[in-house]
Amino acid sequence: RPVTQVVRNVLDELAHSQFQPIDFELGFGTGDGLPPVELTVDGVTVSVSGFVDRVDGWVHDGRLYLRVVDYKTGESQLEFAGVEALFNGEAKQRQSNVLQTLLYAMMLTHSEGCEAVPALYYVRRMNRPDYSPELVDRSTGGVGEGYSAYAVDFERLLGEKLAELFDPAVPFRATDDAEHTCRYCDYRQICRR
């Protein structure tokens, strides 16, 4: 029954949306989808790959707009404290859900050369009539903005973070917020926290 309701919610949302589905489980750098997005930072090239849950398209005034849709099962978190906080804020401000969706929007923008709008659907709440999948940037007041609104700062901060990760002079340091960060981390057994 819960799966049936989720499917109904998705179909209902699509029936009332200007966007139309183009692809599901679109891969970047997975061999069967789009090529990975390559970023070069301090002479090191990093290939960014992953799967986007859904990509929607909308043509307006002769221009193609894409929407990157990511489905989540946890608590609804659509608000964030700006791009800077995603990389350098306190643990609770570094919302991986928003970061992931913006990363997918970056990948789609680079590979397709058109605007990509990030969207998050929380399956527990998306059946509410007032639900909106749009990101809310509390630092600028922006709601539902396309990736281009974040591109310059996002890619600069991503580059800085990658440079830090590859810098042998920067030692590994575990998070100070083990309760919030480590509980569901896929790598917690490696650092034994």
N, C-alpha and C. Protein backbone atom coordinates (compact mmCIF):
# COMPACT_ATOMS: atom_id res chain seq x y z
N ARG A 1 0.80 -1.21 0.00
CA ARG A 1 0.00 0.00 0.00
C ARG A 1 0.84 1.27 0.00
N PRO A 2 1.89 1.41 0.84
CA PRO A 2 2.68 2.64 0.81
C PRO A 2 3.31 2.91 -0.56
N VAL A 3 3.80 1.87 -1.26
CA VAL A 3 4.40 2.06 -2.58
C VAL A 3 3.34 2.56 -3.56
N THR A 4 2.14 1.99 -3.48
CA THR A 4 1.05 2.42 -4.35
C THR A 4 0.74 3.89 -4.13
N GLN A 5 0.74 4.33 -2.88
CA GLN A 5 0.45 5.73 -2.58
C GLN A 5 1.54 6.65 -3.12
N VAL A 6 2.79 6.24 -3.02
CA VAL A 6 3.90 7.04 -3.55
C VAL A 6 3.74 7.19 -5.05
N VAL A 7 3.43 6.10 -5.75
CA VAL A 7 3.24 6.16 -7.21
C VAL A 7 2.08 7.09 -7.54
N ARG A 8 0.98 6.99 -6.80
CA ARG A 8 -0.15 7.90 -7.02
C ARG A 8 0.26 9.35 -6.82
N ASN A 9 1.05 9.61 -5.79
CA ASN A 9 1.50 10.97 -5.52
C ASN A 9 2.36 11.50 -6.66
N VAL A 10 3.26 10.67 -7.17
CA VAL A 10 4.12 11.10 -8.28
C VAL A 10 3.27 11.38 -9.51
N LEU A 11 2.34 10.49 -9.84
CA LEU A 11 1.49 10.69 -11.01
C LEU A 11 0.62 11.94 -10.86
N ASP A 12 0.12 12.18 -9.66
CA ASP A 12 -0.69 13.38 -9.41
C ASP A 12 0.16 14.63 -9.58
N GLU A 13 1.37 14.60 -9.05
CA GLU A 13 2.27 15.76 -9.19
C GLU A 13 2.57 16.03 -10.65
N LEU A 14 2.85 14.99 -11.41
CA LEU A 14 3.17 15.17 -12.83
C LEU A 14 1.97 15.69 -13.62
N ALA A 15 0.77 15.29 -13.23
CA ALA A 15 -0.43 15.76 -13.94
C ALA A 15 -0.65 17.25 -13.78
N HIS A 16 -0.14 17.83 -12.69
CA HIS A 16 -0.33 19.26 -12.41
C HIS A 16 0.93 20.09 -12.63
N SER A 17 1.95 19.51 -13.25
CA SER A 17 3.23 20.19 -13.40
C SER A 17 3.44 20.63 -14.84
N GLN A 18 4.16 21.73 -15.02
CA GLN A 18 4.54 22.16 -16.35
C GLN A 18 5.67 21.28 -16.90
N PHE A 19 6.39 20.60 -16.01
CA PHE A 19 7.47 19.71 -16.41
C PHE A 19 6.91 18.34 -16.81
N GLN A 20 7.61 17.68 -17.73
CA GLN A 20 7.27 16.32 -18.14
C GLN A 20 8.49 15.44 -17.93
N PRO A 21 8.30 14.19 -17.47
CA PRO A 21 9.45 13.32 -17.24
C PRO A 21 10.19 13.02 -18.55
N ILE A 22 11.51 13.07 -18.47
CA ILE A 22 12.37 12.74 -19.61
C ILE A 22 13.12 11.45 -19.35
N ASP A 23 13.58 11.28 -18.10
CA ASP A 23 14.39 10.11 -17.79
C ASP A 23 14.26 9.77 -16.31
N PHE A 24 14.43 8.49 -16.02
CA PHE A 24 14.45 8.01 -14.64
C PHE A 24 15.76 7.27 -14.43
N GLU A 25 16.35 7.42 -13.26
CA GLU A 25 17.63 6.78 -12.93
C GLU A 25 18.69 7.08 -13.99
N LEU A 26 18.81 8.34 -14.34
CA LEU A 26 19.80 8.77 -15.32
C LEU A 26 21.18 8.70 -14.70
N GLY A 27 22.07 7.97 -15.34
CA GLY A 27 23.42 7.81 -14.83
C GLY A 27 24.40 8.78 -15.45
N PHE A 28 25.32 9.26 -14.63
CA PHE A 28 26.46 10.06 -15.08
C PHE A 28 27.70 9.24 -14.78
N GLY A 29 28.47 8.94 -15.81
CA GLY A 29 29.71 8.19 -15.59
C GLY A 29 29.49 6.77 -15.16
N THR A 30 28.36 6.20 -15.54
CA THR A 30 28.03 4.83 -15.13
C THR A 30 28.10 3.85 -16.29
N GLY A 31 28.46 4.33 -17.46
CA GLY A 31 28.59 3.46 -18.61
C GLY A 31 27.35 3.37 -19.47
N ASP A 32 26.17 3.66 -18.91
CA ASP A 32 24.94 3.54 -19.70
C ASP A 32 24.15 4.84 -19.77
N GLY A 33 24.71 5.92 -19.34
CA GLY A 33 24.01 7.20 -19.37
C GLY A 33 24.90 8.27 -19.96
N LEU A 34 24.99 9.37 -19.29
CA LEU A 34 25.83 10.48 -19.72
C LEU A 34 27.24 10.30 -19.19
N PRO A 35 28.23 10.91 -19.83
CA PRO A 35 29.59 10.81 -19.31
C PRO A 35 29.71 11.52 -17.96
N PRO A 36 30.73 11.17 -17.17
CA PRO A 36 30.91 11.88 -15.90
C PRO A 36 31.27 13.34 -16.16
N VAL A 37 31.01 14.16 -15.18
CA VAL A 37 31.45 15.55 -15.24
C VAL A 37 32.84 15.58 -14.63
N GLU A 38 33.77 16.16 -15.35
CA GLU A 38 35.15 16.21 -14.86
C GLU A 38 35.48 17.61 -14.38
N LEU A 39 36.03 17.68 -13.18
CA LEU A 39 36.45 18.94 -12.59
C LEU A 39 37.95 18.87 -12.35
N THR A 40 38.67 19.91 -12.74
CA THR A 40 40.11 19.94 -12.51
C THR A 40 40.40 20.99 -11.45
N VAL A 41 41.04 20.54 -10.38
CA VAL A 41 41.38 21.41 -9.25
C VAL A 41 42.86 21.21 -8.93
N ASP A 42 43.62 22.28 -8.99
CA ASP A 42 45.06 22.24 -8.70
C ASP A 42 45.76 21.12 -9.46
N GLY A 43 45.41 20.95 -10.73
CA GLY A 43 46.05 19.95 -11.57
C GLY A 43 45.53 18.54 -11.40
N VAL A 44 44.58 18.34 -10.51
CA VAL A 44 43.99 17.02 -10.29
C VAL A 44 42.60 17.01 -10.92
N THR A 45 42.34 16.02 -11.78
CA THR A 45 41.03 15.90 -12.40
C THR A 45 40.20 14.88 -11.64
N VAL A 46 39.01 15.28 -11.26
CA VAL A 46 38.08 14.44 -10.52
C VAL A 46 36.87 14.19 -11.40
N SER A 47 36.52 12.92 -11.56
CA SER A 47 35.31 12.56 -12.31
C SER A 47 34.16 12.42 -11.32
N VAL A 48 33.10 13.16 -11.56
CA VAL A 48 31.92 13.13 -10.69
C VAL A 48 30.87 12.29 -11.39
N SER A 49 30.39 11.26 -10.69
CA SER A 49 29.39 10.38 -11.28
C SER A 49 28.27 10.12 -10.28
N GLY A 50 27.18 9.57 -10.76
CA GLY A 50 26.06 9.26 -9.89
C GLY A 50 24.80 9.00 -10.70
N PHE A 51 23.71 8.75 -10.00
CA PHE A 51 22.41 8.51 -10.61
C PHE A 51 21.41 9.57 -10.15
N VAL A 52 20.72 10.16 -11.08
CA VAL A 52 19.66 11.12 -10.78
C VAL A 52 18.35 10.34 -10.80
N ASP A 53 17.54 10.47 -9.74
CA ASP A 53 16.29 9.72 -9.67
C ASP A 53 15.38 10.01 -10.86
N ARG A 54 15.21 11.28 -11.18
CA ARG A 54 14.31 11.65 -12.28
C ARG A 54 14.76 12.97 -12.88
N VAL A 55 14.63 13.08 -14.20
CA VAL A 55 14.90 14.34 -14.90
C VAL A 55 13.64 14.70 -15.66
N ASP A 56 13.16 15.91 -15.44
CA ASP A 56 11.98 16.42 -16.14
C ASP A 56 12.41 17.52 -17.08
N GLY A 57 11.61 17.77 -18.10
CA GLY A 57 11.90 18.84 -19.04
C GLY A 57 10.70 19.74 -19.23
N TRP A 58 10.98 20.98 -19.62
CA TRP A 58 9.94 21.96 -19.89
C TRP A 58 10.49 22.94 -20.90
N VAL A 59 9.77 23.18 -21.97
CA VAL A 59 10.18 24.16 -22.97
C VAL A 59 9.34 25.41 -22.77
N HIS A 60 10.04 26.54 -22.58
CA HIS A 60 9.37 27.82 -22.36
C HIS A 60 10.07 28.86 -23.22
N ASP A 61 9.30 29.56 -24.04
CA ASP A 61 9.85 30.58 -24.94
C ASP A 61 11.01 30.04 -25.78
N GLY A 62 10.86 28.80 -26.22
CA GLY A 62 11.86 28.19 -27.08
C GLY A 62 13.11 27.70 -26.38
N ARG A 63 13.15 27.79 -25.04
CA ARG A 63 14.31 27.32 -24.27
C ARG A 63 13.93 26.09 -23.46
N LEU A 64 14.87 25.15 -23.39
CA LEU A 64 14.67 23.94 -22.60
C LEU A 64 15.13 24.18 -21.17
N TYR A 65 14.30 23.83 -20.22
CA TYR A 65 14.63 23.85 -18.81
C TYR A 65 14.52 22.43 -18.30
N LEU A 66 15.45 22.03 -17.47
CA LEU A 66 15.42 20.70 -16.89
C LEU A 66 15.22 20.82 -15.39
N ARG A 67 14.62 19.80 -14.81
CA ARG A 67 14.46 19.74 -13.36
C ARG A 67 15.06 18.43 -12.89
N VAL A 68 15.93 18.52 -11.91
CA VAL A 68 16.55 17.36 -11.30
C VAL A 68 15.72 17.00 -10.08
N VAL A 69 15.13 15.83 -10.09
CA VAL A 69 14.27 15.40 -8.99
C VAL A 69 14.97 14.30 -8.21
N ASP A 70 15.09 14.51 -6.91
CA ASP A 70 15.65 13.49 -6.03
C ASP A 70 14.58 13.14 -5.00
N TYR A 71 14.32 11.86 -4.83
CA TYR A 71 13.35 11.39 -3.84
C TYR A 71 14.06 11.06 -2.55
N LYS A 72 13.44 11.44 -1.45
CA LYS A 72 13.99 11.18 -0.12
C LYS A 72 12.92 10.58 0.76
N THR A 73 13.36 9.76 1.72
CA THR A 73 12.41 9.13 2.63
C THR A 73 12.46 9.72 4.03
N GLY A 74 13.46 10.51 4.34
CA GLY A 74 13.60 11.06 5.68
C GLY A 74 12.72 12.27 5.93
N GLU A 75 13.13 13.04 6.93
CA GLU A 75 12.41 14.27 7.27
C GLU A 75 12.63 15.32 6.20
N SER A 76 11.60 16.06 5.91
CA SER A 76 11.64 17.08 4.88
C SER A 76 12.58 18.21 5.26
N GLN A 77 13.59 18.46 4.41
CA GLN A 77 14.55 19.54 4.62
C GLN A 77 14.77 20.24 3.29
N LEU A 78 13.99 21.25 3.03
CA LEU A 78 14.09 22.00 1.79
C LEU A 78 14.78 23.34 1.97
N GLU A 79 14.84 23.80 3.21
CA GLU A 79 15.49 25.08 3.49
C GLU A 79 16.96 24.85 3.83
N PHE A 80 17.80 25.77 3.36
CA PHE A 80 19.21 25.70 3.70
C PHE A 80 19.73 27.12 3.88
N ALA A 81 20.87 27.22 4.56
CA ALA A 81 21.41 28.53 4.94
C ALA A 81 22.41 29.07 3.92
N GLY A 82 22.23 28.76 2.66
CA GLY A 82 23.10 29.25 1.60
C GLY A 82 24.16 28.25 1.21
N VAL A 83 24.72 28.45 0.03
CA VAL A 83 25.71 27.53 -0.52
C VAL A 83 26.94 27.44 0.38
N GLU A 84 27.39 28.56 0.92
CA GLU A 84 28.57 28.56 1.79
C GLU A 84 28.38 27.60 2.96
N ALA A 85 27.19 27.59 3.56
CA ALA A 85 26.92 26.73 4.71
C ALA A 85 26.94 25.25 4.34
N LEU A 86 26.63 24.92 3.10
CA LEU A 86 26.65 23.52 2.68
C LEU A 86 28.06 22.94 2.75
N PHE A 87 29.06 23.78 2.56
CA PHE A 87 30.45 23.32 2.57
C PHE A 87 31.18 23.64 3.86
N ASN A 88 30.87 24.77 4.48
CA ASN A 88 31.67 25.24 5.61
C ASN A 88 30.88 25.51 6.88
N GLY A 89 29.59 25.28 6.87
CA GLY A 89 28.77 25.59 8.03
C GLY A 89 28.89 24.54 9.12
N GLU A 90 28.15 24.77 10.17
CA GLU A 90 28.06 23.79 11.25
C GLU A 90 27.46 22.50 10.68
N ALA A 91 27.64 21.39 11.36
CA ALA A 91 27.21 20.09 10.85
C ALA A 91 25.75 20.08 10.41
N LYS A 92 24.88 20.69 11.19
CA LYS A 92 23.46 20.69 10.86
C LYS A 92 23.14 21.56 9.65
N GLN A 93 24.03 22.48 9.30
CA GLN A 93 23.83 23.34 8.13
C GLN A 93 24.32 22.68 6.85
N ARG A 94 25.19 21.70 6.98
CA ARG A 94 25.74 21.03 5.80
C ARG A 94 24.78 19.93 5.37
N GLN A 95 23.70 20.32 4.80
CA GLN A 95 22.65 19.37 4.45
C GLN A 95 23.02 18.60 3.19
N SER A 96 23.30 17.32 3.38
CA SER A 96 23.75 16.49 2.27
C SER A 96 22.68 16.35 1.19
N ASN A 97 21.41 16.39 1.57
CA ASN A 97 20.33 16.27 0.58
C ASN A 97 20.35 17.44 -0.41
N VAL A 98 20.53 18.64 0.08
CA VAL A 98 20.58 19.83 -0.78
C VAL A 98 21.87 19.82 -1.59
N LEU A 99 22.98 19.50 -0.95
CA LEU A 99 24.26 19.43 -1.64
C LEU A 99 24.20 18.42 -2.80
N GLN A 100 23.64 17.24 -2.54
CA GLN A 100 23.53 16.20 -3.56
C GLN A 100 22.69 16.68 -4.74
N THR A 101 21.57 17.31 -4.47
CA THR A 101 20.68 17.76 -5.54
C THR A 101 21.32 18.88 -6.35
N LEU A 102 22.04 19.78 -5.69
CA LEU A 102 22.76 20.83 -6.42
C LEU A 102 23.90 20.23 -7.24
N LEU A 103 24.55 19.20 -6.72
CA LEU A 103 25.60 18.53 -7.47
C LEU A 103 25.02 17.89 -8.74
N TYR A 104 23.87 17.25 -8.63
CA TYR A 104 23.21 16.68 -9.81
C TYR A 104 22.80 17.77 -10.79
N ALA A 105 22.32 18.89 -10.28
CA ALA A 105 21.94 20.00 -11.15
C ALA A 105 23.17 20.54 -11.88
N MET A 106 24.30 20.61 -11.18
CA MET A 106 25.55 21.03 -11.81
C MET A 106 25.92 20.07 -12.94
N MET A 107 25.86 18.78 -12.66
CA MET A 107 26.23 17.77 -13.65
C MET A 107 25.34 17.89 -14.89
N LEU A 108 24.04 18.05 -14.68
CA LEU A 108 23.10 18.14 -15.79
C LEU A 108 23.31 19.43 -16.58
N THR A 109 23.55 20.54 -15.88
CA THR A 109 23.81 21.81 -16.54
C THR A 109 25.05 21.72 -17.42
N HIS A 110 26.11 21.13 -16.89
CA HIS A 110 27.35 21.01 -17.66
C HIS A 110 27.19 20.07 -18.85
N SER A 111 26.50 18.97 -18.67
CA SER A 111 26.41 17.99 -19.75
C SER A 111 25.40 18.39 -20.82
N GLU A 112 24.33 19.08 -20.44
CA GLU A 112 23.27 19.40 -21.40
C GLU A 112 23.27 20.86 -21.85
N GLY A 113 24.00 21.72 -21.13
CA GLY A 113 24.12 23.12 -21.53
C GLY A 113 22.85 23.94 -21.38
N CYS A 114 21.99 23.56 -20.46
CA CYS A 114 20.79 24.36 -20.21
C CYS A 114 20.53 24.42 -18.71
N GLU A 115 19.61 25.28 -18.33
CA GLU A 115 19.29 25.47 -16.91
C GLU A 115 18.71 24.19 -16.32
N ALA A 116 19.17 23.84 -15.12
CA ALA A 116 18.63 22.70 -14.38
C ALA A 116 18.14 23.20 -13.02
N VAL A 117 16.93 22.87 -12.69
CA VAL A 117 16.31 23.32 -11.44
C VAL A 117 16.30 22.14 -10.46
N PRO A 118 16.93 22.27 -9.29
CA PRO A 118 16.92 21.18 -8.31
C PRO A 118 15.58 21.10 -7.59
N ALA A 119 15.14 19.86 -7.32
CA ALA A 119 13.88 19.64 -6.59
C ALA A 119 14.02 18.41 -5.70
N LEU A 120 13.46 18.49 -4.51
CA LEU A 120 13.48 17.38 -3.57
C LEU A 120 12.05 16.95 -3.24
N TYR A 121 11.79 15.68 -3.40
CA TYR A 121 10.49 15.13 -3.04
C TYR A 121 10.65 14.19 -1.86
N TYR A 122 10.01 14.56 -0.76
CA TYR A 122 10.01 13.71 0.43
C TYR A 122 8.71 12.91 0.40
N VAL A 123 8.85 11.59 0.25
CA VAL A 123 7.68 10.75 -0.01
C VAL A 123 6.66 10.78 1.11
N ARG A 124 7.07 11.09 2.32
CA ARG A 124 6.12 11.15 3.44
C ARG A 124 5.23 12.39 3.38
N ARG A 125 5.67 13.43 2.67
CA ARG A 125 4.94 14.69 2.68
C ARG A 125 4.41 15.11 1.31
N MET A 126 4.86 14.48 0.24
CA MET A 126 4.53 14.96 -1.09
C MET A 126 3.06 14.83 -1.46
N ASN A 127 2.29 14.09 -0.67
CA ASN A 127 0.85 13.98 -0.96
C ASN A 127 0.05 15.13 -0.39
N ARG A 128 0.69 16.02 0.34
CA ARG A 128 -0.01 17.17 0.89
C ARG A 128 -0.28 18.18 -0.21
N PRO A 129 -1.46 18.77 -0.24
CA PRO A 129 -1.79 19.70 -1.32
C PRO A 129 -0.88 20.93 -1.40
N ASP A 130 -0.29 21.33 -0.27
CA ASP A 130 0.55 22.52 -0.26
C ASP A 130 2.04 22.20 -0.40
N TYR A 131 2.37 20.95 -0.68
CA TYR A 131 3.79 20.57 -0.76
C TYR A 131 4.44 21.16 -2.00
N SER A 132 5.65 21.66 -1.81
CA SER A 132 6.45 22.16 -2.92
C SER A 132 7.83 21.53 -2.82
N PRO A 133 8.39 21.04 -3.93
CA PRO A 133 9.71 20.42 -3.91
C PRO A 133 10.85 21.43 -4.05
N GLU A 134 10.52 22.70 -4.08
CA GLU A 134 11.52 23.73 -4.34
C GLU A 134 12.43 23.98 -3.15
N LEU A 135 13.71 24.17 -3.44
CA LEU A 135 14.68 24.52 -2.40
C LEU A 135 14.45 25.97 -1.98
N VAL A 136 14.68 26.23 -0.70
CA VAL A 136 14.53 27.58 -0.14
C VAL A 136 15.87 27.99 0.45
N ASP A 137 16.49 28.99 -0.16
CA ASP A 137 17.78 29.50 0.28
C ASP A 137 17.53 30.66 1.24
N ARG A 138 17.68 30.40 2.54
CA ARG A 138 17.43 31.43 3.55
C ARG A 138 18.42 32.59 3.46
N SER A 139 19.60 32.37 2.91
CA SER A 139 20.59 33.45 2.84
C SER A 139 20.23 34.50 1.80
N THR A 140 19.51 34.11 0.75
CA THR A 140 19.16 35.07 -0.30
C THR A 140 17.66 35.29 -0.42
N GLY A 141 16.87 34.40 0.21
CA GLY A 141 15.42 34.47 0.05
C GLY A 141 14.95 33.79 -1.22
N GLY A 142 15.85 33.18 -1.96
CA GLY A 142 15.50 32.52 -3.22
C GLY A 142 14.70 31.25 -2.99
N VAL A 143 13.67 31.07 -3.81
CA VAL A 143 12.82 29.88 -3.74
C VAL A 143 12.72 29.27 -5.14
N GLY A 144 13.08 27.99 -5.26
CA GLY A 144 12.93 27.29 -6.53
C GLY A 144 13.82 27.80 -7.64
N GLU A 145 14.98 28.32 -7.29
CA GLU A 145 15.86 28.87 -8.30
C GLU A 145 16.61 27.77 -9.04
N GLY A 146 16.96 28.06 -10.28
CA GLY A 146 17.75 27.14 -11.08
C GLY A 146 19.20 27.15 -10.63
N TYR A 147 19.94 26.17 -11.13
CA TYR A 147 21.34 26.02 -10.74
C TYR A 147 22.17 27.26 -11.03
N SER A 148 21.84 28.00 -12.08
CA SER A 148 22.63 29.18 -12.44
C SER A 148 22.71 30.19 -11.30
N ALA A 149 21.72 30.22 -10.41
CA ALA A 149 21.74 31.14 -9.27
C ALA A 149 22.84 30.76 -8.27
N TYR A 150 23.27 29.50 -8.30
CA TYR A 150 24.25 28.99 -7.33
C TYR A 150 25.59 28.66 -7.97
N ALA A 151 25.65 28.59 -9.29
CA ALA A 151 26.78 28.00 -10.01
C ALA A 151 28.14 28.54 -9.61
N VAL A 152 28.32 29.85 -9.60
CA VAL A 152 29.64 30.43 -9.34
C VAL A 152 30.13 30.05 -7.94
N ASP A 153 29.32 30.30 -6.93
CA ASP A 153 29.73 29.98 -5.55
C ASP A 153 29.83 28.48 -5.33
N PHE A 154 28.88 27.72 -5.87
CA PHE A 154 28.89 26.27 -5.68
C PHE A 154 30.15 25.64 -6.25
N GLU A 155 30.50 26.01 -7.47
CA GLU A 155 31.67 25.40 -8.10
C GLU A 155 32.98 25.88 -7.48
N ARG A 156 33.02 27.11 -7.01
CA ARG A 156 34.21 27.60 -6.31
C ARG A 156 34.40 26.83 -5.00
N LEU A 157 33.32 26.70 -4.23
CA LEU A 157 33.40 25.99 -2.94
C LEU A 157 33.66 24.50 -3.13
N LEU A 158 33.08 23.91 -4.14
CA LEU A 158 33.34 22.50 -4.43
C LEU A 158 34.81 22.32 -4.78
N GLY A 159 35.34 23.21 -5.60
CA GLY A 159 36.77 23.16 -5.96
C GLY A 159 37.66 23.29 -4.74
N GLU A 160 37.32 24.21 -3.84
CA GLU A 160 38.10 24.40 -2.62
C GLU A 160 38.06 23.15 -1.75
N LYS A 161 36.89 22.54 -1.64
CA LYS A 161 36.76 21.34 -0.81
C LYS A 161 37.53 20.17 -1.42
N LEU A 162 37.47 20.02 -2.74
CA LEU A 162 38.23 18.96 -3.40
C LEU A 162 39.73 19.19 -3.24
N ALA A 163 40.17 20.44 -3.37
CA ALA A 163 41.59 20.75 -3.20
C ALA A 163 42.04 20.40 -1.78
N GLU A 164 41.20 20.67 -0.82
CA GLU A 164 41.52 20.33 0.58
C GLU A 164 41.61 18.82 0.76
N LEU A 165 40.68 18.09 0.15
CA LEU A 165 40.68 16.63 0.28
C LEU A 165 41.93 15.99 -0.32
N PHE A 166 42.44 16.58 -1.40
CA PHE A 166 43.61 16.01 -2.07
C PHE A 166 44.93 16.60 -1.58
N ASP A 167 44.88 17.52 -0.66
CA ASP A 167 46.10 18.15 -0.15
C ASP A 167 46.70 17.28 0.96
N PRO A 168 47.88 16.70 0.72
CA PRO A 168 48.48 15.84 1.76
C PRO A 168 48.88 16.62 3.01
N ALA A 169 48.96 17.93 2.92
CA ALA A 169 49.33 18.73 4.09
C ALA A 169 48.15 18.94 5.03
N VAL A 170 46.94 18.63 4.56
CA VAL A 170 45.76 18.79 5.41
C VAL A 170 45.41 17.41 6.00
N PRO A 171 45.60 17.25 7.31
CA PRO A 171 45.35 15.94 7.92
C PRO A 171 43.85 15.62 7.99
N PHE A 172 43.55 14.33 7.99
CA PHE A 172 42.17 13.90 8.18
C PHE A 172 41.76 14.27 9.59
N ARG A 173 40.57 14.80 9.71
CA ARG A 173 40.04 15.08 11.05
C ARG A 173 38.60 14.61 11.10
N ALA A 174 38.30 13.92 12.14
CA ALA A 174 36.93 13.42 12.32
C ALA A 174 36.03 14.57 12.74
N THR A 175 34.77 14.41 12.47
CA THR A 175 33.80 15.44 12.82
C THR A 175 33.70 15.62 14.33
N ASP A 176 33.38 16.83 14.73
CA ASP A 176 33.14 17.10 16.15
C ASP A 176 31.73 16.69 16.55
N ASP A 177 30.87 16.48 15.58
CA ASP A 177 29.46 16.18 15.83
C ASP A 177 29.16 14.72 15.47
N ALA A 178 29.73 13.81 16.24
CA ALA A 178 29.57 12.38 15.95
C ALA A 178 28.12 11.94 16.03
N GLU A 179 27.36 12.50 16.94
CA GLU A 179 25.96 12.10 17.11
C GLU A 179 25.15 12.37 15.84
N HIS A 180 25.28 13.55 15.28
CA HIS A 180 24.49 13.93 14.11
C HIS A 180 25.06 13.35 12.82
N THR A 181 26.36 13.41 12.67
CA THR A 181 27.00 13.07 11.41
C THR A 181 27.27 11.58 11.24
N CYS A 182 27.70 10.91 12.29
CA CYS A 182 28.19 9.53 12.15
C CYS A 182 27.10 8.46 12.21
N ARG A 183 25.97 8.78 12.76
CA ARG A 183 24.94 7.78 12.99
C ARG A 183 24.59 6.99 11.72
N TYR A 184 24.43 7.67 10.60
CA TYR A 184 24.02 7.00 9.36
C TYR A 184 25.11 7.03 8.29
N CYS A 185 26.32 7.33 8.68
CA CYS A 185 27.42 7.43 7.71
C CYS A 185 27.82 6.04 7.20
N ASP A 186 27.96 5.94 5.88
CA ASP A 186 28.37 4.67 5.27
C ASP A 186 29.79 4.27 5.64
N TYR A 187 30.59 5.22 6.10
CA TYR A 187 32.01 4.95 6.36
C TYR A 187 32.36 4.92 7.84
N ARG A 188 31.38 4.84 8.71
CA ARG A 188 31.66 4.92 10.15
C ARG A 188 32.50 3.75 10.65
N GLN A 189 32.44 2.60 9.98
CA GLN A 189 33.26 1.47 10.41
C GLN A 189 34.74 1.68 10.09
N ILE A 190 35.02 2.47 9.07
CA ILE A 190 36.41 2.74 8.71
C ILE A 190 37.08 3.59 9.79
N CYS A 191 36.39 4.63 10.25
CA CYS A 191 37.00 5.48 11.26
C CYS A 191 36.62 5.04 12.68
N ARG A 192 35.82 3.98 12.77
CA ARG A 192 35.47 3.35 14.05
C ARG A 192 34.81 4.29 15.04
N ARG A 193 33.80 5.03 14.53
CA ARG A 193 33.08 5.92 15.42
C ARG A 193 31.67 5.43 15.60
